[in-house]
Amino acid sequence: MNAQKQYKTVLKEAVIEIEEKKSRFIASVKPACTEEEAVEFINSLKSKYWDATHNVYAYSIGGDRIVQRFSDDGEPSGTAGIPVLEVLKKRGLQDVVVVVTRYFGGTLLGASGLIRAYGKSASLGIEAAGVVIRQLCHETSVMVEYSLFGRIQNLLIREGYSIKDVIYGQDVEILVYVPVDKVEQFAEAVEEAANARAVLVVGTCGYIDLPEKAVEK
C-alpha cells in the first residue's frame, strides 16, 4: 500500500449542539482510519441516542481508495446525509466520521431548512474537532557546532520545517520533521548553510499533525 504524503483530517473527537426551530441537532465528530472504526462510532451513537428522531451520518476514509458513505436515516432524500458529506468533501477531509443526531421539536423545517441545519451542524462539529494536515515525514537529526546553530535554526524557521526538539550537548542536535519528498532538498540546504559541517541522519518515517494553515494548499 502506498502511503499518502499528506492529507487533511480532524485532530480530535468533538461534540456540538445547535437548535433550529426547537429541533435539537447534535453533531458528533471523530477521526476514523478505517471503515470499521467509522461504523463502530455510528452504531455507538445510535445506541446512545436511541430515542432520537434521526441519527444521520457521513464518513470519508482515505487510503488506496477513498470510501465515502452517508445515510439520511429517514429524513427526506438528499436533505441530511448528503449535506453532511458535502461539508467533508468541500473541506477535503479524510479519515473522519460525522453523526448528526436530531430530536424533532415539533416544527417542520422543510427541505432547504434541513439542508442548512445538517450542513451547519457538521461544519461547527468539524471546527470544534480542529482541522489538521497529516503529513508523512522523516524524523531527521541535524548535528552542528554551536557557532552554526543560529544559522541552521533560521533556515529551518524560514523554510517552515517543524522542529521536534533541540538537544544541547558537545554539539547541538536538532530533530526535524522533514516531508518525505523534501529530504534531498533539505539535506542540500543544510549542507550549504553549514558549509558542509553538519551531520545528517535520516530516521524513521511517520505521520505528524500540522496546523491547516502551516502547509501550502
N, C-alpha and C. Protein backbone atom coordinates (compact mmCIF):
# COMPACT_ATOMS: atom_id res chain seq x y z
N MET A 1 0.83 -1.18 0.00
CA MET A 1 0.00 0.00 0.00
C MET A 1 0.88 1.24 0.00
N ASN A 2 0.63 2.19 -0.90
CA ASN A 2 1.38 3.43 -0.96
C ASN A 2 0.75 4.45 -0.02
N ALA A 3 1.51 4.87 0.98
CA ALA A 3 1.00 5.84 1.95
C ALA A 3 0.89 7.22 1.29
N GLN A 4 -0.15 7.94 1.65
CA GLN A 4 -0.32 9.29 1.15
C GLN A 4 0.73 10.20 1.79
N LYS A 5 1.27 11.13 0.99
CA LYS A 5 2.27 12.05 1.53
C LYS A 5 1.64 13.02 2.51
N GLN A 6 0.43 13.45 2.21
CA GLN A 6 -0.27 14.30 3.17
C GLN A 6 -1.77 14.31 2.86
N TYR A 7 -2.56 14.53 3.90
CA TYR A 7 -4.00 14.67 3.71
C TYR A 7 -4.57 15.43 4.90
N LYS A 8 -5.79 15.96 4.70
CA LYS A 8 -6.44 16.72 5.76
C LYS A 8 -7.40 15.82 6.54
N THR A 9 -7.42 16.03 7.85
CA THR A 9 -8.32 15.27 8.70
C THR A 9 -8.66 16.10 9.93
N VAL A 10 -9.35 15.50 10.89
CA VAL A 10 -9.64 16.21 12.13
C VAL A 10 -8.68 15.76 13.22
N LEU A 11 -8.41 16.66 14.15
CA LEU A 11 -7.42 16.40 15.19
C LEU A 11 -7.96 15.50 16.30
N LYS A 12 -9.21 15.73 16.69
CA LYS A 12 -9.73 15.03 17.87
C LYS A 12 -11.25 14.85 17.76
N GLU A 13 -11.79 14.12 18.72
CA GLU A 13 -13.23 13.92 18.80
C GLU A 13 -13.88 15.19 19.37
N ALA A 14 -15.08 15.50 18.88
CA ALA A 14 -15.78 16.70 19.37
C ALA A 14 -17.29 16.53 19.23
N VAL A 15 -18.02 17.24 20.09
CA VAL A 15 -19.49 17.23 20.04
C VAL A 15 -19.98 18.67 20.19
N ILE A 16 -20.90 19.08 19.33
CA ILE A 16 -21.53 20.40 19.46
C ILE A 16 -23.03 20.23 19.31
N GLU A 17 -23.78 21.22 19.77
CA GLU A 17 -25.24 21.16 19.67
C GLU A 17 -25.79 22.52 19.24
N ILE A 18 -26.75 22.51 18.31
CA ILE A 18 -27.45 23.73 17.92
C ILE A 18 -28.95 23.46 17.96
N GLU A 19 -29.72 24.53 17.92
CA GLU A 19 -31.18 24.40 17.89
C GLU A 19 -31.74 25.17 16.70
N GLU A 20 -32.62 24.54 15.96
CA GLU A 20 -33.28 25.17 14.81
C GLU A 20 -34.78 24.92 14.95
N LYS A 21 -35.54 25.98 15.19
CA LYS A 21 -37.00 25.88 15.34
C LYS A 21 -37.39 24.76 16.31
N LYS A 22 -36.72 24.78 17.45
CA LYS A 22 -36.96 23.85 18.56
C LYS A 22 -36.47 22.42 18.33
N SER A 23 -35.93 22.13 17.13
CA SER A 23 -35.29 20.84 16.90
C SER A 23 -33.84 20.93 17.37
N ARG A 24 -33.40 19.91 18.13
CA ARG A 24 -32.00 19.85 18.58
C ARG A 24 -31.17 19.04 17.58
N PHE A 25 -30.04 19.60 17.20
CA PHE A 25 -29.11 18.91 16.31
C PHE A 25 -27.79 18.75 17.05
N ILE A 26 -27.36 17.50 17.26
CA ILE A 26 -26.12 17.21 17.97
C ILE A 26 -25.14 16.59 16.97
N ALA A 27 -24.06 17.31 16.70
CA ALA A 27 -23.04 16.80 15.77
C ALA A 27 -21.90 16.17 16.56
N SER A 28 -21.62 14.91 16.28
CA SER A 28 -20.50 14.18 16.90
C SER A 28 -19.49 13.85 15.82
N VAL A 29 -18.25 14.26 16.04
CA VAL A 29 -17.19 14.10 15.04
C VAL A 29 -16.04 13.30 15.64
N LYS A 30 -15.46 12.43 14.83
CA LYS A 30 -14.34 11.61 15.34
C LYS A 30 -13.40 11.22 14.20
N PRO A 31 -12.08 11.21 14.46
CA PRO A 31 -11.15 10.65 13.47
C PRO A 31 -11.41 9.15 13.33
N ALA A 32 -11.33 8.64 12.12
CA ALA A 32 -11.52 7.20 11.88
C ALA A 32 -10.63 6.78 10.71
N CYS A 33 -9.70 5.87 10.98
CA CYS A 33 -8.74 5.46 9.95
C CYS A 33 -9.27 4.34 9.07
N THR A 34 -10.33 3.64 9.53
CA THR A 34 -10.91 2.54 8.75
C THR A 34 -12.43 2.67 8.73
N GLU A 35 -13.03 1.99 7.77
CA GLU A 35 -14.49 2.00 7.69
C GLU A 35 -15.09 1.30 8.91
N GLU A 36 -14.39 0.30 9.43
CA GLU A 36 -14.88 -0.41 10.62
C GLU A 36 -14.96 0.53 11.82
N GLU A 37 -13.95 1.39 11.98
CA GLU A 37 -13.96 2.38 13.07
C GLU A 37 -15.15 3.33 12.92
N ALA A 38 -15.39 3.76 11.69
CA ALA A 38 -16.49 4.69 11.43
C ALA A 38 -17.84 4.05 11.78
N VAL A 39 -18.03 2.82 11.33
CA VAL A 39 -19.29 2.11 11.58
C VAL A 39 -19.48 1.86 13.07
N GLU A 40 -18.41 1.52 13.77
CA GLU A 40 -18.49 1.29 15.21
C GLU A 40 -18.93 2.58 15.94
N PHE A 41 -18.38 3.71 15.52
CA PHE A 41 -18.75 5.00 16.11
C PHE A 41 -20.21 5.32 15.84
N ILE A 42 -20.65 5.11 14.61
CA ILE A 42 -22.05 5.36 14.24
C ILE A 42 -22.99 4.50 15.10
N ASN A 43 -22.67 3.23 15.22
CA ASN A 43 -23.52 2.32 16.00
C ASN A 43 -23.56 2.69 17.48
N SER A 44 -22.42 3.16 17.99
CA SER A 44 -22.38 3.55 19.41
C SER A 44 -23.28 4.75 19.67
N LEU A 45 -23.34 5.66 18.70
CA LEU A 45 -24.18 6.84 18.88
C LEU A 45 -25.66 6.51 18.66
N LYS A 46 -25.93 5.56 17.80
CA LYS A 46 -27.32 5.11 17.63
C LYS A 46 -27.83 4.50 18.93
N SER A 47 -26.94 3.82 19.65
CA SER A 47 -27.32 3.26 20.95
C SER A 47 -27.46 4.36 22.00
N LYS A 48 -26.51 5.29 21.98
CA LYS A 48 -26.54 6.38 22.96
C LYS A 48 -27.78 7.25 22.79
N TYR A 49 -28.07 7.60 21.54
CA TYR A 49 -29.22 8.45 21.23
C TYR A 49 -30.35 7.60 20.64
N TRP A 50 -30.68 6.53 21.31
CA TRP A 50 -31.67 5.58 20.81
C TRP A 50 -33.06 6.21 20.66
N ASP A 51 -33.32 7.25 21.46
CA ASP A 51 -34.63 7.89 21.44
C ASP A 51 -34.69 9.09 20.50
N ALA A 52 -33.62 9.33 19.73
CA ALA A 52 -33.61 10.46 18.79
C ALA A 52 -34.51 10.19 17.60
N THR A 53 -34.94 11.26 16.96
CA THR A 53 -35.77 11.12 15.75
C THR A 53 -34.96 10.57 14.59
N HIS A 54 -33.71 11.07 14.45
CA HIS A 54 -32.82 10.63 13.36
C HIS A 54 -31.37 10.65 13.85
N ASN A 55 -30.59 9.70 13.35
CA ASN A 55 -29.13 9.70 13.53
C ASN A 55 -28.51 9.64 12.13
N VAL A 56 -28.30 10.81 11.58
CA VAL A 56 -27.77 10.96 10.21
C VAL A 56 -26.25 10.87 10.27
N TYR A 57 -25.63 10.28 9.25
CA TYR A 57 -24.17 10.22 9.28
C TYR A 57 -23.55 10.35 7.89
N ALA A 58 -22.25 10.63 7.91
CA ALA A 58 -21.43 10.61 6.70
C ALA A 58 -19.99 10.37 7.13
N TYR A 59 -19.25 9.65 6.30
CA TYR A 59 -17.83 9.49 6.59
C TYR A 59 -17.02 9.40 5.31
N SER A 60 -15.74 9.72 5.44
CA SER A 60 -14.80 9.65 4.32
C SER A 60 -13.51 9.03 4.83
N ILE A 61 -13.16 7.87 4.27
CA ILE A 61 -11.96 7.14 4.68
C ILE A 61 -10.99 7.09 3.51
N GLY A 62 -9.72 7.49 3.77
CA GLY A 62 -8.72 7.52 2.69
C GLY A 62 -7.97 6.21 2.57
N GLY A 63 -6.80 6.28 1.92
CA GLY A 63 -6.00 5.08 1.69
C GLY A 63 -5.80 4.86 0.21
N ASP A 64 -5.71 3.59 -0.20
CA ASP A 64 -5.54 3.28 -1.63
C ASP A 64 -6.72 3.79 -2.44
N ARG A 65 -7.90 3.74 -1.83
CA ARG A 65 -9.09 4.29 -2.48
C ARG A 65 -9.93 4.97 -1.40
N ILE A 66 -10.55 6.08 -1.78
CA ILE A 66 -11.36 6.82 -0.81
C ILE A 66 -12.76 6.21 -0.75
N VAL A 67 -13.19 5.90 0.46
CA VAL A 67 -14.53 5.36 0.69
C VAL A 67 -15.38 6.44 1.34
N GLN A 68 -16.50 6.78 0.70
CA GLN A 68 -17.41 7.80 1.24
C GLN A 68 -18.81 7.22 1.31
N ARG A 69 -19.41 7.32 2.48
CA ARG A 69 -20.77 6.80 2.68
C ARG A 69 -21.59 7.84 3.46
N PHE A 70 -22.91 7.74 3.31
CA PHE A 70 -23.79 8.63 4.07
C PHE A 70 -25.14 7.95 4.25
N SER A 71 -25.92 8.46 5.21
CA SER A 71 -27.28 7.98 5.44
C SER A 71 -28.16 9.13 5.88
N ASP A 72 -29.37 9.22 5.29
CA ASP A 72 -30.36 10.22 5.70
C ASP A 72 -31.13 9.74 6.93
N ASP A 73 -31.06 8.46 7.23
CA ASP A 73 -31.74 7.87 8.38
C ASP A 73 -33.19 8.33 8.53
N GLY A 74 -33.92 8.24 7.43
CA GLY A 74 -35.35 8.55 7.49
C GLY A 74 -35.73 9.97 7.14
N GLU A 75 -34.76 10.88 7.07
CA GLU A 75 -35.06 12.24 6.61
C GLU A 75 -35.32 12.19 5.09
N PRO A 76 -36.03 13.20 4.54
CA PRO A 76 -36.27 13.21 3.10
C PRO A 76 -34.95 13.08 2.32
N SER A 77 -34.97 12.30 1.26
CA SER A 77 -33.76 12.01 0.48
C SER A 77 -33.02 13.29 0.08
N GLY A 78 -31.72 13.30 0.35
CA GLY A 78 -30.88 14.42 -0.06
C GLY A 78 -30.84 15.59 0.91
N THR A 79 -31.60 15.53 2.00
CA THR A 79 -31.67 16.68 2.91
C THR A 79 -30.77 16.55 4.14
N ALA A 80 -30.13 15.41 4.33
CA ALA A 80 -29.42 15.19 5.60
C ALA A 80 -28.00 14.62 5.39
N GLY A 81 -27.92 13.36 4.96
CA GLY A 81 -26.61 12.72 4.80
C GLY A 81 -25.73 13.40 3.76
N ILE A 82 -26.32 13.78 2.63
CA ILE A 82 -25.53 14.43 1.57
C ILE A 82 -24.99 15.79 2.02
N PRO A 83 -25.79 16.65 2.66
CA PRO A 83 -25.22 17.92 3.15
C PRO A 83 -24.05 17.71 4.12
N VAL A 84 -24.13 16.68 4.96
CA VAL A 84 -23.02 16.39 5.88
C VAL A 84 -21.79 15.94 5.09
N LEU A 85 -21.99 15.04 4.13
CA LEU A 85 -20.87 14.56 3.31
C LEU A 85 -20.26 15.70 2.50
N GLU A 86 -21.11 16.61 2.01
CA GLU A 86 -20.62 17.74 1.22
C GLU A 86 -19.68 18.62 2.03
N VAL A 87 -19.94 18.75 3.32
CA VAL A 87 -19.04 19.53 4.18
C VAL A 87 -17.67 18.87 4.21
N LEU A 88 -17.64 17.54 4.34
CA LEU A 88 -16.36 16.81 4.35
C LEU A 88 -15.62 16.98 3.02
N LYS A 89 -16.38 16.90 1.92
CA LYS A 89 -15.77 17.00 0.59
C LYS A 89 -15.23 18.40 0.32
N LYS A 90 -16.00 19.41 0.71
CA LYS A 90 -15.56 20.80 0.49
C LYS A 90 -14.30 21.13 1.28
N ARG A 91 -14.20 20.56 2.48
CA ARG A 91 -13.00 20.78 3.29
C ARG A 91 -11.86 19.85 2.91
N GLY A 92 -12.15 18.87 2.04
CA GLY A 92 -11.12 17.93 1.61
C GLY A 92 -10.65 17.00 2.71
N LEU A 93 -11.58 16.59 3.58
CA LEU A 93 -11.23 15.79 4.75
C LEU A 93 -11.31 14.29 4.48
N GLN A 94 -10.38 13.57 5.07
CA GLN A 94 -10.37 12.11 5.03
C GLN A 94 -10.22 11.56 6.45
N ASP A 95 -10.50 10.28 6.58
CA ASP A 95 -10.38 9.59 7.88
C ASP A 95 -11.17 10.31 8.96
N VAL A 96 -12.43 10.58 8.66
CA VAL A 96 -13.30 11.28 9.61
C VAL A 96 -14.73 10.78 9.45
N VAL A 97 -15.45 10.72 10.58
CA VAL A 97 -16.86 10.33 10.57
C VAL A 97 -17.63 11.38 11.35
N VAL A 98 -18.80 11.74 10.82
CA VAL A 98 -19.68 12.72 11.46
C VAL A 98 -21.07 12.12 11.61
N VAL A 99 -21.63 12.18 12.81
CA VAL A 99 -23.01 11.77 13.05
C VAL A 99 -23.76 12.99 13.56
N VAL A 100 -24.86 13.32 12.89
CA VAL A 100 -25.70 14.43 13.36
C VAL A 100 -27.03 13.85 13.84
N THR A 101 -27.24 13.97 15.13
CA THR A 101 -28.45 13.44 15.78
C THR A 101 -29.49 14.54 15.86
N ARG A 102 -30.73 14.21 15.50
CA ARG A 102 -31.81 15.20 15.58
C ARG A 102 -32.93 14.74 16.50
N TYR A 103 -33.29 15.65 17.39
CA TYR A 103 -34.50 15.48 18.20
C TYR A 103 -35.53 16.48 17.67
N PHE A 104 -36.59 15.96 17.07
CA PHE A 104 -37.60 16.81 16.42
C PHE A 104 -38.31 17.69 17.45
N GLY A 105 -38.43 18.97 17.10
CA GLY A 105 -39.02 19.93 18.04
C GLY A 105 -40.46 20.29 17.77
N GLY A 106 -41.06 19.65 16.77
CA GLY A 106 -42.47 19.90 16.51
C GLY A 106 -42.77 20.82 15.34
N THR A 107 -41.73 21.50 14.85
CA THR A 107 -41.92 22.42 13.71
C THR A 107 -41.15 21.88 12.51
N LEU A 108 -41.84 21.71 11.38
CA LEU A 108 -41.18 21.23 10.17
C LEU A 108 -40.23 22.29 9.63
N LEU A 109 -39.05 21.85 9.19
CA LEU A 109 -38.05 22.80 8.68
C LEU A 109 -38.09 22.93 7.16
N GLY A 110 -38.72 21.97 6.48
CA GLY A 110 -38.70 21.98 5.02
C GLY A 110 -37.35 21.49 4.51
N ALA A 111 -37.30 21.16 3.23
CA ALA A 111 -36.07 20.60 2.65
C ALA A 111 -34.89 21.55 2.79
N SER A 112 -35.07 22.82 2.44
CA SER A 112 -33.95 23.77 2.49
C SER A 112 -33.50 23.99 3.93
N GLY A 113 -34.46 24.02 4.86
CA GLY A 113 -34.12 24.19 6.27
C GLY A 113 -33.33 23.02 6.81
N LEU A 114 -33.70 21.81 6.41
CA LEU A 114 -32.97 20.62 6.84
C LEU A 114 -31.54 20.62 6.29
N ILE A 115 -31.40 20.96 5.03
CA ILE A 115 -30.08 21.00 4.40
C ILE A 115 -29.17 21.98 5.14
N ARG A 116 -29.72 23.16 5.44
CA ARG A 116 -28.93 24.16 6.16
C ARG A 116 -28.57 23.68 7.56
N ALA A 117 -29.53 23.11 8.27
CA ALA A 117 -29.30 22.69 9.66
C ALA A 117 -28.27 21.57 9.75
N TYR A 118 -28.39 20.57 8.87
CA TYR A 118 -27.44 19.45 8.91
C TYR A 118 -26.04 19.90 8.46
N GLY A 119 -26.00 20.75 7.43
CA GLY A 119 -24.70 21.26 6.97
C GLY A 119 -24.03 22.13 8.03
N LYS A 120 -24.82 23.01 8.67
CA LYS A 120 -24.28 23.88 9.72
C LYS A 120 -23.77 23.05 10.90
N SER A 121 -24.54 22.05 11.31
CA SER A 121 -24.14 21.19 12.43
C SER A 121 -22.81 20.51 12.14
N ALA A 122 -22.69 19.94 10.94
CA ALA A 122 -21.45 19.25 10.56
C ALA A 122 -20.27 20.21 10.54
N SER A 123 -20.47 21.41 9.98
CA SER A 123 -19.38 22.40 9.90
C SER A 123 -18.90 22.82 11.27
N LEU A 124 -19.84 23.09 12.18
CA LEU A 124 -19.47 23.50 13.53
C LEU A 124 -18.78 22.37 14.29
N GLY A 125 -19.24 21.14 14.05
CA GLY A 125 -18.60 19.99 14.69
C GLY A 125 -17.16 19.82 14.23
N ILE A 126 -16.93 20.01 12.94
CA ILE A 126 -15.57 19.88 12.39
C ILE A 126 -14.67 20.99 12.92
N GLU A 127 -15.21 22.20 13.02
CA GLU A 127 -14.42 23.29 13.58
C GLU A 127 -14.01 22.99 15.02
N ALA A 128 -14.93 22.41 15.78
CA ALA A 128 -14.64 22.06 17.18
C ALA A 128 -13.58 20.96 17.27
N ALA A 129 -13.62 20.03 16.30
CA ALA A 129 -12.65 18.93 16.29
C ALA A 129 -11.27 19.39 15.84
N GLY A 130 -11.23 20.48 15.06
CA GLY A 130 -9.96 21.03 14.58
C GLY A 130 -9.45 20.32 13.34
N VAL A 131 -9.17 21.08 12.30
CA VAL A 131 -8.67 20.51 11.05
C VAL A 131 -7.14 20.60 11.03
N VAL A 132 -6.50 19.49 10.69
CA VAL A 132 -5.04 19.45 10.61
C VAL A 132 -4.60 18.81 9.29
N ILE A 133 -3.36 19.09 8.94
CA ILE A 133 -2.71 18.39 7.84
C ILE A 133 -1.90 17.25 8.44
N ARG A 134 -2.19 16.04 8.02
CA ARG A 134 -1.40 14.89 8.45
C ARG A 134 -0.35 14.63 7.37
N GLN A 135 0.91 14.86 7.72
CA GLN A 135 1.98 14.81 6.72
C GLN A 135 2.97 13.70 7.04
N LEU A 136 3.36 12.97 6.00
CA LEU A 136 4.32 11.88 6.14
C LEU A 136 5.73 12.44 6.13
N CYS A 137 6.45 12.26 7.24
CA CYS A 137 7.77 12.87 7.40
C CYS A 137 8.80 11.87 7.91
N HIS A 138 10.06 12.20 7.62
CA HIS A 138 11.18 11.50 8.25
C HIS A 138 11.66 12.35 9.43
N GLU A 139 11.82 11.73 10.60
CA GLU A 139 12.44 12.43 11.71
C GLU A 139 13.93 12.45 11.43
N THR A 140 14.48 13.63 11.25
CA THR A 140 15.86 13.78 10.80
C THR A 140 16.70 14.50 11.84
N SER A 141 17.87 13.95 12.13
CA SER A 141 18.79 14.56 13.09
C SER A 141 19.82 15.40 12.35
N VAL A 142 19.97 16.65 12.83
CA VAL A 142 20.99 17.55 12.27
C VAL A 142 21.94 17.92 13.42
N MET A 143 23.21 17.51 13.31
CA MET A 143 24.21 17.79 14.34
C MET A 143 25.14 18.88 13.83
N VAL A 144 25.24 20.00 14.59
CA VAL A 144 26.11 21.10 14.18
C VAL A 144 26.84 21.67 15.39
N GLU A 145 27.91 22.39 15.11
CA GLU A 145 28.62 23.11 16.17
C GLU A 145 27.75 24.27 16.64
N TYR A 146 28.02 24.74 17.85
CA TYR A 146 27.23 25.84 18.41
C TYR A 146 27.31 27.09 17.54
N SER A 147 28.45 27.32 16.92
CA SER A 147 28.64 28.52 16.10
C SER A 147 27.73 28.54 14.87
N LEU A 148 27.26 27.35 14.47
CA LEU A 148 26.39 27.25 13.28
C LEU A 148 24.91 27.13 13.64
N PHE A 149 24.62 26.96 14.91
CA PHE A 149 23.25 26.68 15.34
C PHE A 149 22.26 27.75 14.89
N GLY A 150 22.61 29.02 15.13
CA GLY A 150 21.70 30.12 14.78
C GLY A 150 21.37 30.14 13.30
N ARG A 151 22.39 29.91 12.47
CA ARG A 151 22.20 29.93 11.02
C ARG A 151 21.25 28.80 10.58
N ILE A 152 21.47 27.60 11.14
CA ILE A 152 20.63 26.46 10.77
C ILE A 152 19.21 26.65 11.30
N GLN A 153 19.09 27.14 12.52
CA GLN A 153 17.76 27.38 13.10
C GLN A 153 16.98 28.37 12.26
N ASN A 154 17.64 29.45 11.82
CA ASN A 154 16.97 30.44 10.98
C ASN A 154 16.51 29.83 9.66
N LEU A 155 17.33 28.95 9.09
CA LEU A 155 16.97 28.26 7.85
C LEU A 155 15.70 27.43 8.05
N LEU A 156 15.66 26.67 9.14
CA LEU A 156 14.52 25.78 9.40
C LEU A 156 13.24 26.59 9.60
N ILE A 157 13.34 27.68 10.34
CA ILE A 157 12.16 28.51 10.59
C ILE A 157 11.70 29.18 9.29
N ARG A 158 12.66 29.70 8.54
CA ARG A 158 12.33 30.40 7.29
C ARG A 158 11.64 29.47 6.29
N GLU A 159 12.11 28.23 6.22
CA GLU A 159 11.56 27.28 5.25
C GLU A 159 10.34 26.53 5.79
N GLY A 160 9.98 26.78 7.04
CA GLY A 160 8.76 26.20 7.60
C GLY A 160 8.86 24.75 8.05
N TYR A 161 10.07 24.29 8.33
CA TYR A 161 10.22 22.92 8.83
C TYR A 161 9.80 22.86 10.30
N SER A 162 9.21 21.73 10.69
CA SER A 162 8.75 21.55 12.06
C SER A 162 9.87 20.94 12.91
N ILE A 163 10.27 21.67 13.96
CA ILE A 163 11.35 21.21 14.84
C ILE A 163 10.75 20.43 16.00
N LYS A 164 11.16 19.19 16.16
CA LYS A 164 10.66 18.36 17.26
C LYS A 164 11.38 18.68 18.58
N ASP A 165 12.72 18.83 18.50
CA ASP A 165 13.47 19.04 19.74
C ASP A 165 14.85 19.58 19.41
N VAL A 166 15.48 20.24 20.39
CA VAL A 166 16.87 20.68 20.29
C VAL A 166 17.60 20.14 21.50
N ILE A 167 18.68 19.40 21.25
CA ILE A 167 19.43 18.77 22.34
C ILE A 167 20.82 19.40 22.39
N TYR A 168 21.13 19.97 23.55
CA TYR A 168 22.40 20.67 23.72
C TYR A 168 23.40 19.75 24.41
N GLY A 169 24.44 19.39 23.70
CA GLY A 169 25.50 18.55 24.25
C GLY A 169 26.84 19.15 23.86
N GLN A 170 27.79 18.30 23.47
CA GLN A 170 29.08 18.81 22.99
C GLN A 170 28.85 19.65 21.74
N ASP A 171 27.93 19.17 20.90
CA ASP A 171 27.42 19.94 19.77
C ASP A 171 25.91 20.08 19.96
N VAL A 172 25.25 20.72 19.00
CA VAL A 172 23.80 20.88 19.08
C VAL A 172 23.14 19.90 18.11
N GLU A 173 22.20 19.12 18.62
CA GLU A 173 21.44 18.21 17.75
C GLU A 173 20.02 18.74 17.62
N ILE A 174 19.61 18.95 16.37
CA ILE A 174 18.26 19.44 16.09
C ILE A 174 17.49 18.30 15.44
N LEU A 175 16.35 17.95 16.05
CA LEU A 175 15.49 16.91 15.47
C LEU A 175 14.39 17.59 14.68
N VAL A 176 14.34 17.29 13.40
CA VAL A 176 13.45 17.99 12.47
C VAL A 176 12.55 17.00 11.75
N TYR A 177 11.28 17.36 11.57
CA TYR A 177 10.38 16.57 10.74
C TYR A 177 10.49 17.07 9.30
N VAL A 178 10.95 16.18 8.43
CA VAL A 178 11.16 16.55 7.02
C VAL A 178 10.20 15.76 6.14
N PRO A 179 9.33 16.43 5.36
CA PRO A 179 8.42 15.70 4.46
C PRO A 179 9.19 14.73 3.57
N VAL A 180 8.58 13.57 3.32
CA VAL A 180 9.29 12.50 2.60
C VAL A 180 9.79 12.93 1.22
N ASP A 181 9.10 13.85 0.59
CA ASP A 181 9.51 14.27 -0.75
C ASP A 181 10.47 15.47 -0.74
N LYS A 182 10.93 15.85 0.47
CA LYS A 182 11.83 17.02 0.56
C LYS A 182 13.15 16.69 1.26
N VAL A 183 13.41 15.41 1.47
CA VAL A 183 14.62 15.01 2.21
C VAL A 183 15.88 15.46 1.49
N GLU A 184 15.95 15.22 0.19
CA GLU A 184 17.15 15.59 -0.58
C GLU A 184 17.33 17.11 -0.60
N GLN A 185 16.25 17.82 -0.83
CA GLN A 185 16.27 19.28 -0.84
C GLN A 185 16.71 19.83 0.52
N PHE A 186 16.21 19.22 1.58
CA PHE A 186 16.55 19.62 2.95
C PHE A 186 18.04 19.42 3.21
N ALA A 187 18.54 18.26 2.83
CA ALA A 187 19.95 17.95 3.06
C ALA A 187 20.87 18.94 2.34
N GLU A 188 20.51 19.26 1.11
CA GLU A 188 21.33 20.21 0.33
C GLU A 188 21.33 21.59 0.97
N ALA A 189 20.17 22.03 1.44
CA ALA A 189 20.05 23.36 2.05
C ALA A 189 20.86 23.45 3.35
N VAL A 190 20.79 22.38 4.16
CA VAL A 190 21.53 22.36 5.43
C VAL A 190 23.03 22.32 5.17
N GLU A 191 23.44 21.48 4.24
CA GLU A 191 24.87 21.37 3.93
C GLU A 191 25.44 22.71 3.45
N GLU A 192 24.65 23.41 2.63
CA GLU A 192 25.10 24.71 2.11
C GLU A 192 25.20 25.73 3.25
N ALA A 193 24.16 25.77 4.10
CA ALA A 193 24.13 26.74 5.20
C ALA A 193 25.24 26.46 6.21
N ALA A 194 25.59 25.18 6.38
CA ALA A 194 26.61 24.80 7.37
C ALA A 194 28.00 24.65 6.77
N ASN A 195 28.14 25.02 5.49
CA ASN A 195 29.43 24.87 4.80
C ASN A 195 29.96 23.44 4.91
N ALA A 196 29.03 22.48 4.74
CA ALA A 196 29.35 21.04 4.76
C ALA A 196 29.89 20.57 6.12
N ARG A 197 29.50 21.29 7.18
CA ARG A 197 29.97 20.92 8.52
C ARG A 197 28.82 20.41 9.40
N ALA A 198 27.77 19.94 8.79
CA ALA A 198 26.65 19.36 9.53
C ALA A 198 26.60 17.86 9.30
N VAL A 199 26.17 17.14 10.31
CA VAL A 199 26.00 15.69 10.19
C VAL A 199 24.50 15.40 10.19
N LEU A 200 24.00 14.81 9.11
CA LEU A 200 22.57 14.50 8.98
C LEU A 200 22.34 13.01 9.07
N VAL A 201 21.33 12.63 9.83
CA VAL A 201 20.90 11.23 9.90
C VAL A 201 19.39 11.21 9.68
N VAL A 202 18.98 10.59 8.58
CA VAL A 202 17.55 10.48 8.27
C VAL A 202 16.99 9.28 9.00
N GLY A 203 16.00 9.53 9.86
CA GLY A 203 15.47 8.48 10.72
C GLY A 203 14.14 7.91 10.27
N THR A 204 13.34 7.50 11.24
CA THR A 204 12.09 6.80 10.96
C THR A 204 11.08 7.69 10.25
N CYS A 205 10.15 7.03 9.59
CA CYS A 205 9.13 7.72 8.81
C CYS A 205 7.76 7.52 9.48
N GLY A 206 6.99 8.60 9.56
CA GLY A 206 5.66 8.50 10.16
C GLY A 206 4.89 9.78 9.94
N TYR A 207 3.61 9.77 10.34
CA TYR A 207 2.77 10.94 10.16
C TYR A 207 2.88 11.88 11.35
N ILE A 208 2.87 13.18 11.05
CA ILE A 208 2.75 14.20 12.09
C ILE A 208 1.58 15.11 11.73
N ASP A 209 1.00 15.75 12.73
CA ASP A 209 -0.11 16.66 12.51
C ASP A 209 0.38 18.09 12.54
N LEU A 210 0.03 18.84 11.50
CA LEU A 210 0.40 20.25 11.40
C LEU A 210 -0.86 21.10 11.29
N PRO A 211 -0.82 22.34 11.78
CA PRO A 211 -1.98 23.23 11.60
C PRO A 211 -2.29 23.37 10.12
N GLU A 212 -3.58 23.47 9.80
CA GLU A 212 -4.01 23.55 8.39
C GLU A 212 -3.30 24.68 7.65
N LYS A 213 -3.11 25.82 8.29
CA LYS A 213 -2.51 26.98 7.63
C LYS A 213 -1.00 26.84 7.46
N ALA A 214 -0.39 25.83 8.11
CA ALA A 214 1.06 25.69 8.08
C ALA A 214 1.57 25.07 6.79
N VAL A 215 0.69 24.47 6.00
CA VAL A 215 1.09 23.79 4.77
C VAL A 215 0.40 24.44 3.59
N GLU A 216 1.14 24.68 2.56
CA GLU A 216 0.55 25.30 1.35
C GLU A 216 -0.48 24.35 0.75
N LYS A 217 -1.57 24.93 0.29
CA LYS A 217 -2.61 24.11 -0.35
C LYS A 217 -2.23 23.83 -1.79
